Amino acid sequence: MTNTSENQEFSYELKIPQERIAVLIGTNGETKKEIESTMHVNLEITPEGEVAITGHDAVTLFTAREIVRSIGRGFNPKIALQLAKSDYALEIIDISDLAGKNKNMMERLKGRVIGKGGKSREEIERLTETHISIYGKTIGIIGEISQVSIARQAVAMLVEGSMHKTVYHFLEKKKKEMMFGG
């Protein structure tokens, strides 16, 4: 039985903000090369931020797309490349759904998640061992799948108006449950 799908090429196209193109490419193209060699894909990047990703494996192609997407949403490439691990995930929360066109509301919601001097974001990251990027109208989370889910709940609680203290208690309880199994 011969498998002809080996030669089949898959592709994804996505757009990232222009100011994130240099980060995706990296110094002397290092980041682009690292993504290509790690994920066995090819990246074509236009000056407008159009990114075409091609490869022969649909799963690694999807992961490569998530890596590119996360860099486009403000993540450091080293953090984005953690998505190459099978138990890691990217979650992007669009807060424009809640804020609508209201710029003040958008800033207030982002501010609640960031917290005074970045304390809230750092606390969520510390208690869930995830990485959070607040960029434009989105909040991105990268980490182990189970932890990303918990961090997402914490972010949602803050965006919906829960007190920071309540969210920290929730996170500490979840962390204990994961450490001691309930």
Protein backbone atom coordinates (compact mmCIF):
# COMPACT_ATOMS: atom_id res chain seq x y z
CA MET A 1 0.00 0.00 0.00
CA THR A 2 1.50 3.32 -1.02
CA ASN A 3 0.84 6.54 0.73
CA THR A 4 0.71 9.50 -1.64
CA SER A 5 -0.20 11.99 1.10
CA GLU A 6 3.53 12.27 1.97
CA ASN A 7 3.97 14.67 -0.91
CA GLN A 8 0.84 16.62 -0.17
CA GLU A 9 1.50 20.19 0.88
CA PHE A 10 -0.73 22.04 3.30
CA SER A 11 -0.82 25.76 3.87
CA TYR A 12 -2.25 28.41 6.14
CA GLU A 13 -2.45 32.11 5.58
CA LEU A 14 -2.83 34.66 8.31
CA LYS A 15 -2.15 38.31 8.93
CA ILE A 16 -0.17 39.76 11.80
CA PRO A 17 0.19 43.46 12.76
CA GLN A 18 2.92 45.23 10.76
CA GLU A 19 4.80 46.23 13.92
CA ARG A 20 5.19 42.51 14.81
CA ILE A 21 6.77 41.49 11.45
CA ALA A 22 10.32 42.32 12.60
CA VAL A 23 9.79 40.23 15.74
CA LEU A 24 8.54 37.28 13.66
CA ILE A 25 11.55 37.50 11.35
CA GLY A 26 14.06 38.20 14.13
CA THR A 27 17.63 39.48 13.88
CA ASN A 28 19.13 38.25 10.59
CA GLY A 29 16.02 36.08 10.11
CA GLU A 30 16.87 33.92 13.17
CA THR A 31 13.32 33.60 14.56
CA LYS A 32 11.86 32.77 11.15
CA LYS A 33 14.59 30.14 10.61
CA GLU A 34 14.04 28.65 14.06
CA ILE A 35 10.28 28.28 13.47
CA GLU A 36 10.92 26.77 10.04
CA SER A 37 13.50 24.25 11.29
CA THR A 38 11.64 23.33 14.51
CA MET A 39 8.27 22.86 12.80
CA HIS A 40 9.50 21.69 9.34
CA VAL A 41 7.52 24.40 7.56
CA ASN A 42 8.23 27.28 5.22
CA LEU A 43 7.23 30.87 6.10
CA GLU A 44 6.60 33.55 3.47
CA ILE A 45 6.16 36.97 5.06
CA THR A 46 5.09 40.11 3.17
CA PRO A 47 5.85 43.66 4.35
CA GLU A 48 2.08 44.07 4.97
CA GLY A 49 2.08 41.26 7.54
CA GLU A 50 0.60 38.52 5.37
CA VAL A 51 2.14 35.22 6.42
CA ALA A 52 1.87 32.04 4.36
CA ILE A 53 2.91 28.86 6.15
CA THR A 54 3.42 25.72 4.09
CA GLY A 55 4.41 22.20 5.09
CA HIS A 56 3.69 18.51 4.66
CA ASP A 57 2.21 17.72 8.08
CA ALA A 58 -1.16 19.22 9.01
CA VAL A 59 -0.54 18.97 12.77
CA THR A 60 2.85 20.71 12.76
CA LEU A 61 1.44 23.25 10.33
CA PHE A 62 -1.35 24.08 12.77
CA THR A 63 1.19 24.43 15.59
CA ALA A 64 3.39 26.66 13.42
CA ARG A 65 0.34 28.84 12.73
CA GLU A 66 -0.31 29.12 16.49
CA ILE A 67 3.34 30.13 17.04
CA VAL A 68 3.10 32.83 14.35
CA ARG A 69 -0.29 33.95 15.70
CA SER A 70 1.08 34.27 19.24
CA ILE A 71 4.05 36.36 18.07
CA GLY A 72 1.52 38.54 16.23
CA ARG A 73 -0.40 38.93 19.51
CA GLY A 74 2.63 40.29 21.37
CA PHE A 75 4.41 37.20 22.70
CA ASN A 76 8.18 36.89 22.78
CA PRO A 77 9.24 34.29 20.16
CA LYS A 78 10.96 32.12 22.82
CA ILE A 79 7.65 31.85 24.70
CA ALA A 80 5.71 31.32 21.45
CA LEU A 81 8.01 28.41 20.52
CA GLN A 82 6.88 26.57 23.68
CA LEU A 83 3.76 25.81 21.64
CA ALA A 84 5.85 23.20 19.83
CA LYS A 85 5.40 21.06 22.96
CA SER A 86 2.38 18.80 22.53
CA ASP A 87 0.82 19.69 25.91
CA TYR A 88 1.02 23.47 25.38
CA ALA A 89 -1.73 25.67 23.99
CA LEU A 90 -2.50 29.24 22.96
CA GLU A 91 -5.75 30.86 24.03
CA ILE A 92 -6.70 34.25 22.64
CA ILE A 93 -9.50 36.17 24.31
CA ASP A 94 -11.01 39.00 22.27
CA ILE A 95 -12.17 41.64 24.74
CA SER A 96 -13.70 43.83 22.04
CA ASP A 97 -16.82 41.66 22.38
CA LEU A 98 -17.29 43.02 25.90
CA ALA A 99 -16.08 46.57 25.33
CA GLY A 100 -17.65 47.12 21.93
CA LYS A 101 -16.38 50.33 20.35
CA ASN A 102 -15.89 51.99 23.73
CA LYS A 103 -12.14 52.75 23.97
CA ASN A 104 -12.32 53.71 27.67
CA MET A 105 -14.03 50.43 28.50
CA MET A 106 -11.37 48.53 26.52
CA GLU A 107 -8.56 50.24 28.45
CA ARG A 108 -10.33 49.63 31.76
CA LEU A 109 -10.74 45.90 31.03
CA LYS A 110 -7.10 45.56 29.96
CA GLY A 111 -6.08 47.53 33.05
CA ARG A 112 -7.99 45.15 35.34
CA VAL A 113 -6.12 42.17 33.90
CA ILE A 114 -2.74 43.93 34.00
CA GLY A 115 -3.30 45.33 37.49
CA LYS A 116 -1.36 48.06 39.28
CA GLY A 117 2.23 47.93 38.05
CA GLY A 118 1.48 44.64 36.25
CA LYS A 119 0.82 42.83 39.55
CA SER A 120 -2.42 41.13 38.50
CA ARG A 121 -0.99 39.71 35.29
CA GLU A 122 2.17 38.56 37.11
CA GLU A 123 0.10 36.87 39.81
CA ILE A 124 -2.03 34.96 37.26
CA GLU A 125 1.14 33.94 35.42
CA ARG A 126 2.83 32.84 38.65
CA LEU A 127 -0.11 30.83 39.99
CA THR A 128 -0.87 29.12 36.66
CA GLU A 129 2.68 28.92 35.28
CA THR A 130 1.46 30.51 32.05
CA HIS A 131 2.53 33.53 29.99
CA ILE A 132 0.06 36.33 29.29
CA SER A 133 0.26 39.00 26.59
CA ILE A 134 -2.18 41.89 26.47
CA TYR A 135 -2.01 43.37 22.98
CA GLY A 136 -4.52 45.49 21.12
CA LYS A 137 -8.02 44.07 21.67
CA THR A 138 -6.81 40.66 22.83
CA ILE A 139 -5.42 38.85 25.82
CA GLY A 140 -3.27 35.88 24.89
CA ILE A 141 -2.32 33.01 27.20
CA ILE A 142 0.36 30.37 26.55
CA GLY A 143 1.03 27.41 28.82
CA GLU A 144 0.17 23.82 29.57
CA ILE A 145 -3.37 23.11 28.37
CA SER A 146 -4.85 22.58 31.87
CA GLN A 147 -3.17 25.74 33.18
CA VAL A 148 -4.29 27.85 30.21
CA SER A 149 -7.87 26.90 31.01
CA ILE A 150 -7.49 28.07 34.63
CA ALA A 151 -5.73 31.30 33.57
CA ARG A 152 -8.55 31.94 31.08
CA GLN A 153 -11.12 31.56 33.89
CA ALA A 154 -9.14 34.03 36.03
CA VAL A 155 -8.94 36.57 33.19
CA ALA A 156 -12.68 36.16 32.52
CA MET A 157 -13.43 36.71 36.22
CA LEU A 158 -11.43 39.98 36.22
CA VAL A 159 -12.98 41.18 32.95
CA GLU A 160 -16.45 40.42 34.35
CA GLY A 161 -15.70 42.53 37.43
CA SER A 162 -14.62 40.07 40.14
CA MET A 163 -12.40 41.54 42.84
CA HIS A 164 -8.68 40.81 42.37
CA LYS A 165 -8.57 39.19 45.80
CA THR A 166 -11.36 36.77 44.80
CA VAL A 167 -9.49 35.82 41.63
CA TYR A 168 -6.23 35.18 43.54
CA HIS A 169 -8.08 32.95 46.03
CA PHE A 170 -9.62 31.03 43.12
CA LEU A 171 -6.16 30.56 41.56
CA GLU A 172 -4.54 29.49 44.83
CA LYS A 173 -7.31 26.95 45.38
CA LYS A 174 -6.84 25.57 41.84
CA LYS A 175 -3.09 25.38 42.33
CA LYS A 176 -3.53 23.39 45.56
CA GLU A 177 -6.05 21.06 43.86
CA MET A 178 -3.55 20.38 41.07
CA MET A 179 -0.68 19.82 43.50
CA PHE A 180 -2.55 17.62 45.97
CA GLY A 181 -5.23 16.19 43.73
CA GLY A 182 -8.33 17.84 45.08
